Amino acid sequence: MKKIAAYMLMLCLTVILAGCSDREKEQIKSGYKIYYVNSEENNVVVESYNPESRDTDDMIKAFLDKLEESGDSAEYKAAKPKDVRLLEYNLSEENLSLKFNSAYERMDHTTEILMRTAYVRTLVQIPGVNFVDIYVGERPLMDSKGNAVGFMNEETFVDNSGRLIHAYQEADLILYFANEEGRKLKQTMKSIVYDRNMPLEKVVIEQLIKGPSEGKGLYPTIPSNTRLLGVSVKDGICYVNFDEEFLKLENEVQEKVQIYSVVNSLAELPTVSKVQISINGITDRVFVDKINFNTVFERNLDLIESDREGEESE
């Protein structure tokens, strides 16, 4: 009987997965999570959640209802203060907009970051929801520089294990990825929330490894399974140590584009003027018989695609 029950369970799961997208399949296997804050209100915590419906609209409502409540654990609290009210929400082209009352702006920085983290990370799990943006009344949420925060997903929040959320801050990174032909670099800006205890140089490299967002005409310059073994800065030189996977890019990106994707992105930081790259701690390496890692690289502006070049290639 146990074998029959196990077989039936596997059969049901197979039927469910057959009608789902890749994202839904992965989510069903791993389970959904609701994000809360801990009792000290200085970090986000998660609990598993199994929604009754798989309909996108039903799931949005169910997840929003769960975010209003405390978790099953007595130590898990709702991230949203009681005086902050969700006035309405709207899903358009997989972008979910949330409109809150004016009390949202009266939250202290820590509470706001915690709440924003909990809402975005919870809601982007839902199939059909790729991004979340927040409004306060009729106005979009603004950052400390007076710019609209805009659409956020799970990549907006960069973790540093073991650190507390109250150490987080916002940054606008200028990153360089490859163009379609792999012969030039294209500039993009990415807004993130990151742990200020994490070196910003490390954040930049990790974002390059993650690759660009889809639909922007940008292409990866570093293999996604590359490990960053170390990064440090001394006298304006950023020392970056990758593992061997860095050398195994399979697409058509030229070697110099890959190298200067790293160099130019790091050189946008005020702390960095030059970059030294090593593989497993060794700089005495030649990349595809063309580029010697003994070189201390400086920013290369000639590789950046101009707007005119981009228009001509289209």
Protein backbone atom coordinates (compact mmCIF):
# COMPACT_ATOMS: atom_id res chain seq x y z
CA MET A 1 0.00 0.00 0.00
CA LYS A 2 2.84 2.39 0.80
CA LYS A 3 4.31 1.85 -2.66
CA ILE A 4 0.93 2.51 -4.28
CA ALA A 5 0.44 5.71 -2.24
CA ALA A 6 3.91 6.92 -3.14
CA TYR A 7 3.27 6.16 -6.80
CA MET A 8 -0.03 8.07 -6.74
CA LEU A 9 1.62 11.06 -5.06
CA MET A 10 4.36 11.11 -7.71
CA LEU A 11 1.75 10.79 -10.46
CA CYS A 12 -0.24 13.74 -9.09
CA LEU A 13 2.89 15.87 -8.88
CA THR A 14 3.82 14.95 -12.45
CA VAL A 15 0.35 15.98 -13.69
CA ILE A 16 0.55 19.29 -11.82
CA LEU A 17 4.02 20.08 -13.13
CA ALA A 18 3.10 19.19 -16.70
CA GLY A 19 0.76 22.17 -16.91
CA CYS A 20 3.10 24.67 -15.28
CA SER A 21 5.79 27.03 -16.49
CA ASP A 22 9.42 26.38 -15.52
CA ARG A 23 9.14 29.02 -12.81
CA GLU A 24 5.97 27.46 -11.41
CA LYS A 25 7.54 23.99 -11.47
CA GLU A 26 10.50 25.18 -9.46
CA GLN A 27 8.27 26.99 -7.01
CA ILE A 28 6.03 23.95 -6.47
CA LYS A 29 9.09 21.82 -5.74
CA SER A 30 10.72 24.29 -3.36
CA GLY A 31 7.58 25.73 -1.77
CA TYR A 32 6.40 29.29 -1.24
CA LYS A 33 7.55 31.53 1.62
CA ILE A 34 6.08 34.48 3.47
CA TYR A 35 8.57 37.02 4.78
CA TYR A 36 8.17 38.50 8.26
CA VAL A 37 10.45 40.36 10.71
CA ASN A 38 11.98 38.84 13.81
CA SER A 39 11.03 39.84 17.35
CA GLU A 40 13.93 42.33 17.53
CA GLU A 41 12.66 43.92 14.30
CA ASN A 42 16.13 44.01 12.80
CA ASN A 43 16.01 41.25 10.19
CA VAL A 44 13.65 39.39 7.88
CA VAL A 45 12.62 35.78 8.55
CA VAL A 46 10.57 33.32 6.51
CA GLU A 47 7.90 30.69 6.98
CA SER A 48 6.72 28.16 4.42
CA TYR A 49 3.29 28.69 2.92
CA ASN A 50 1.10 26.53 0.71
CA PRO A 51 -1.60 28.62 -1.02
CA GLU A 52 -4.91 26.91 -1.76
CA SER A 53 -5.15 28.36 -5.27
CA ARG A 54 -2.58 28.63 -8.05
CA ASP A 55 -4.48 31.40 -9.82
CA THR A 56 -2.34 34.55 -9.95
CA ASP A 57 -5.05 36.94 -8.72
CA ASP A 58 -6.05 34.59 -5.91
CA MET A 59 -2.43 34.16 -4.88
CA ILE A 60 -1.78 37.92 -4.79
CA LYS A 61 -4.75 38.42 -2.46
CA ALA A 62 -3.76 35.46 -0.29
CA PHE A 63 -0.12 36.56 -0.01
CA LEU A 64 -1.11 40.15 0.80
CA ASP A 65 -3.45 38.84 3.52
CA LYS A 66 -0.62 36.76 5.00
CA LEU A 67 1.66 39.80 5.02
CA GLU A 68 -0.88 41.60 7.22
CA GLU A 69 -0.59 38.88 9.86
CA SER A 70 2.09 37.65 12.23
CA GLY A 71 3.76 34.35 11.45
CA ASP A 72 2.90 31.00 13.00
CA SER A 73 5.93 31.42 15.23
CA ALA A 74 5.30 33.78 18.13
CA GLU A 75 8.59 35.51 17.32
CA TYR A 76 7.65 36.33 13.72
CA LYS A 77 5.87 39.64 13.25
CA ALA A 78 4.23 41.31 10.26
CA ALA A 79 6.74 43.61 8.57
CA LYS A 80 4.08 46.29 7.95
CA PRO A 81 3.26 48.61 10.88
CA LYS A 82 -0.45 48.71 11.71
CA ASP A 83 -0.86 52.38 10.79
CA VAL A 84 0.47 51.71 7.28
CA ARG A 85 -2.45 50.61 5.12
CA LEU A 86 -2.48 49.10 1.64
CA LEU A 87 -5.03 51.18 -0.26
CA GLU A 88 -5.06 49.21 -3.51
CA TYR A 89 -2.96 47.10 -5.82
CA ASN A 90 -2.86 46.57 -9.57
CA LEU A 91 -1.19 43.93 -11.75
CA SER A 92 -0.24 45.03 -15.27
CA GLU A 93 2.02 43.05 -17.61
CA GLU A 94 3.53 41.07 -14.70
CA ASN A 95 4.31 44.29 -12.79
CA LEU A 96 2.49 44.55 -9.45
CA SER A 97 1.94 48.09 -8.11
CA LEU A 98 1.09 48.62 -4.43
CA LYS A 99 -0.40 51.87 -3.16
CA PHE A 100 -0.04 52.68 0.56
CA ASN A 101 -1.33 55.55 2.69
CA SER A 102 0.84 58.47 3.83
CA ALA A 103 1.88 56.62 7.01
CA TYR A 104 4.35 54.73 4.81
CA GLU A 105 6.54 57.85 4.64
CA ARG A 106 6.61 58.18 8.44
CA MET A 107 8.37 54.83 8.95
CA ASP A 108 11.98 54.99 10.07
CA HIS A 109 14.59 53.76 7.60
CA THR A 110 15.04 50.33 9.18
CA THR A 111 11.31 49.59 9.32
CA GLU A 112 10.80 50.73 5.72
CA ILE A 113 13.64 48.57 4.38
CA LEU A 114 12.35 45.56 6.32
CA MET A 115 8.82 46.03 5.04
CA ARG A 116 9.91 46.62 1.47
CA THR A 117 12.13 43.52 1.57
CA ALA A 118 9.31 41.37 2.97
CA TYR A 119 6.70 42.53 0.45
CA VAL A 120 8.86 42.34 -2.66
CA ARG A 121 10.43 38.98 -1.87
CA THR A 122 7.09 37.47 -0.93
CA LEU A 123 5.14 38.72 -3.93
CA VAL A 124 7.64 38.07 -6.74
CA GLN A 125 7.38 34.36 -5.99
CA ILE A 126 3.91 34.39 -7.53
CA PRO A 127 3.80 33.16 -11.14
CA GLY A 128 2.77 36.15 -13.23
CA VAL A 129 4.45 38.68 -10.92
CA ASN A 130 7.97 39.60 -11.99
CA PHE A 131 8.34 43.03 -10.38
CA VAL A 132 6.80 45.09 -7.58
CA ASP A 133 6.71 48.85 -7.30
CA ILE A 134 5.39 50.97 -4.44
CA TYR A 135 3.35 54.15 -4.36
CA VAL A 136 2.55 56.42 -1.44
CA GLY A 137 -0.81 57.83 -2.38
CA GLU A 138 -0.45 58.88 -6.02
CA ARG A 139 3.32 59.39 -5.87
CA PRO A 140 5.94 56.69 -6.52
CA LEU A 141 8.22 55.76 -3.64
CA MET A 142 11.34 57.93 -3.75
CA ASP A 143 14.88 57.13 -2.61
CA SER A 144 17.10 59.37 -0.49
CA LYS A 145 18.27 61.22 -3.63
CA GLY A 146 14.74 62.07 -4.72
CA ASN A 147 14.61 59.49 -7.51
CA ALA A 148 11.74 57.06 -7.99
CA VAL A 149 12.70 53.62 -6.64
CA GLY A 150 10.75 51.97 -9.46
CA PHE A 151 10.22 48.26 -10.04
CA MET A 152 11.95 45.81 -7.70
CA ASN A 153 12.48 42.06 -7.67
CA GLU A 154 14.45 39.63 -5.49
CA GLU A 155 17.74 40.82 -7.03
CA THR A 156 17.15 44.31 -5.65
CA PHE A 157 18.13 43.05 -2.20
CA VAL A 158 21.72 41.84 -1.78
CA ASP A 159 22.28 39.68 1.31
CA ASN A 160 25.35 39.24 3.43
CA SER A 161 24.74 36.18 5.60
CA GLY A 162 24.72 36.80 9.32
CA ARG A 163 24.36 40.56 9.09
CA LEU A 164 21.42 42.55 10.34
CA ILE A 165 19.11 44.41 8.00
CA HIS A 166 19.55 47.71 9.84
CA ALA A 167 23.02 47.96 8.27
CA TYR A 168 21.55 48.06 4.76
CA GLN A 169 21.66 51.03 2.43
CA GLU A 170 20.78 51.86 -1.16
CA ALA A 171 23.13 52.35 -4.09
CA ASP A 172 22.94 52.97 -7.83
CA LEU A 173 25.50 50.82 -9.61
CA ILE A 174 26.80 51.50 -13.12
CA LEU A 175 27.51 48.13 -14.73
CA TYR A 176 28.85 47.12 -18.12
CA PHE A 177 27.60 44.06 -20.02
CA ALA A 178 28.16 42.91 -23.60
CA ASN A 179 26.16 44.01 -26.62
CA GLU A 180 24.50 41.45 -28.88
CA GLU A 181 27.61 40.89 -31.00
CA GLY A 182 29.85 40.53 -27.94
CA ARG A 183 32.29 43.10 -29.30
CA LYS A 184 31.32 46.14 -27.27
CA LEU A 185 30.20 47.04 -23.76
CA LYS A 186 26.82 48.58 -22.98
CA GLN A 187 26.26 50.60 -19.84
CA THR A 188 23.29 50.06 -17.53
CA MET A 189 22.34 51.34 -14.10
CA LYS A 190 20.98 49.08 -11.38
CA SER A 191 19.51 50.24 -8.06
CA ILE A 192 20.04 47.85 -5.17
CA VAL A 193 19.69 47.61 -1.41
CA TYR A 194 22.84 46.10 0.10
CA ASP A 195 24.55 45.48 3.43
CA ARG A 196 26.95 48.33 4.08
CA ASN A 197 29.23 45.80 5.82
CA MET A 198 29.72 44.15 2.41
CA PRO A 199 32.37 45.84 0.24
CA LEU A 200 30.67 47.58 -2.65
CA GLU A 201 33.36 46.18 -4.95
CA LYS A 202 32.12 42.69 -4.07
CA VAL A 203 28.53 43.72 -4.74
CA VAL A 204 29.51 44.96 -8.21
CA ILE A 205 31.22 41.67 -9.11
CA GLU A 206 28.33 39.59 -7.82
CA GLN A 207 25.91 41.62 -9.93
CA LEU A 208 28.05 41.02 -13.01
CA ILE A 209 28.05 37.28 -12.29
CA LYS A 210 24.26 37.32 -11.96
CA GLY A 211 24.10 38.88 -15.39
CA PRO A 212 21.85 41.56 -16.86
CA SER A 213 18.07 41.77 -16.63
CA GLU A 214 16.19 40.28 -19.55
CA GLY A 215 14.86 42.45 -22.34
CA LYS A 216 17.48 45.21 -22.23
CA GLY A 217 19.68 44.08 -25.11
CA LEU A 218 22.47 43.22 -22.68
CA TYR A 219 24.37 39.94 -22.51
CA PRO A 220 26.41 38.24 -19.74
CA THR A 221 30.15 38.72 -19.59
CA ILE A 222 30.98 36.26 -16.80
CA PRO A 223 29.90 32.59 -16.60
CA SER A 224 27.06 32.33 -14.09
CA ASN A 225 28.76 29.56 -12.07
CA THR A 226 31.92 31.60 -11.54
CA ARG A 227 32.95 31.93 -7.89
CA LEU A 228 34.40 35.14 -6.54
CA LEU A 229 37.21 33.97 -4.23
CA GLY A 230 38.22 37.37 -2.96
CA VAL A 231 38.16 41.11 -3.57
CA SER A 232 40.11 43.90 -1.91
CA VAL A 233 41.25 47.46 -2.61
CA LYS A 234 44.62 49.03 -1.84
CA ASP A 235 45.93 52.36 -3.11
CA GLY A 236 43.14 52.57 -5.68
CA ILE A 237 43.83 49.12 -7.15
CA CYS A 238 41.04 46.56 -6.81
CA TYR A 239 42.34 42.99 -6.59
CA VAL A 240 39.79 40.47 -7.85
CA ASN A 241 40.31 36.72 -7.51
CA PHE A 242 38.06 34.36 -9.52
CA ASP A 243 38.05 30.59 -9.81
CA GLU A 244 38.72 28.75 -13.10
CA GLU A 245 35.10 29.10 -14.26
CA PHE A 246 35.80 32.73 -15.15
CA LEU A 247 37.79 31.45 -18.13
CA LYS A 248 34.96 29.32 -19.54
CA LEU A 249 32.55 31.81 -21.10
CA GLU A 250 30.70 29.94 -23.84
CA ASN A 251 28.96 32.72 -25.76
CA GLU A 252 30.47 34.99 -28.43
CA VAL A 253 31.71 37.67 -26.04
CA GLN A 254 35.26 38.73 -26.88
CA GLU A 255 37.93 38.27 -24.22
CA LYS A 256 38.66 41.98 -23.87
CA VAL A 257 34.93 42.70 -23.47
CA GLN A 258 34.77 40.18 -20.63
CA ILE A 259 37.81 41.69 -18.90
CA TYR A 260 36.73 45.30 -19.27
CA SER A 261 33.20 44.51 -18.17
CA VAL A 262 34.82 43.88 -14.78
CA VAL A 263 37.34 46.73 -15.01
CA ASN A 264 34.96 49.44 -16.21
CA SER A 265 32.24 48.47 -13.74
CA LEU A 266 34.64 48.59 -10.78
CA ALA A 267 36.23 51.81 -12.04
CA GLU A 268 32.85 53.54 -11.68
CA LEU A 269 33.36 53.32 -7.89
CA PRO A 270 35.21 56.23 -6.28
CA THR A 271 37.54 53.79 -4.50
CA VAL A 272 38.85 52.13 -7.68
CA SER A 273 41.11 53.47 -10.45
CA LYS A 274 42.75 50.21 -11.60
CA VAL A 275 41.99 46.48 -11.45
CA GLN A 276 44.19 43.41 -11.04
CA ILE A 277 42.54 40.06 -11.91
CA SER A 278 43.81 36.68 -10.75
CA ILE A 279 42.59 33.11 -11.20
CA ASN A 280 42.79 30.98 -8.05
CA GLY A 281 45.18 33.60 -6.69
CA ILE A 282 47.54 33.37 -9.69
CA THR A 283 48.20 36.33 -11.98
CA ASP A 284 50.79 34.54 -14.13
CA ARG A 285 48.10 33.42 -16.58
CA VAL A 286 47.31 34.28 -20.20
CA PHE A 287 43.64 34.44 -21.15
CA VAL A 288 42.99 32.67 -24.49
CA ASP A 289 46.57 33.44 -25.56
CA LYS A 290 45.70 37.12 -25.78
CA ILE A 291 45.42 38.85 -22.41
CA ASN A 292 48.03 38.58 -19.67
CA PHE A 293 46.62 38.75 -16.15
CA ASN A 294 49.90 40.24 -14.94
CA THR A 295 48.49 43.49 -16.34
CA VAL A 296 46.99 46.09 -14.02
CA PHE A 297 43.98 47.15 -16.07
CA GLU A 298 42.61 50.67 -16.38
CA ARG A 299 39.22 51.82 -17.63
CA ASN A 300 38.71 51.35 -21.40
CA LEU A 301 36.25 53.85 -22.85
CA ASP A 302 36.85 52.75 -26.46
CA LEU A 303 34.95 49.51 -25.86
CA ILE A 304 31.76 51.24 -24.76
CA GLU A 305 29.09 51.22 -27.45
CA SER A 306 27.82 54.68 -28.33
CA ASP A 307 24.11 55.37 -28.82
CA ARG A 308 24.77 55.86 -32.52
CA GLU A 309 26.48 52.47 -32.83
CA GLY A 310 23.53 50.84 -31.10
CA GLU A 311 21.07 52.45 -33.49
CA GLU A 312 23.11 51.39 -36.54
CA SER A 313 23.28 47.77 -35.37
CA GLU A 314 19.49 47.70 -35.05
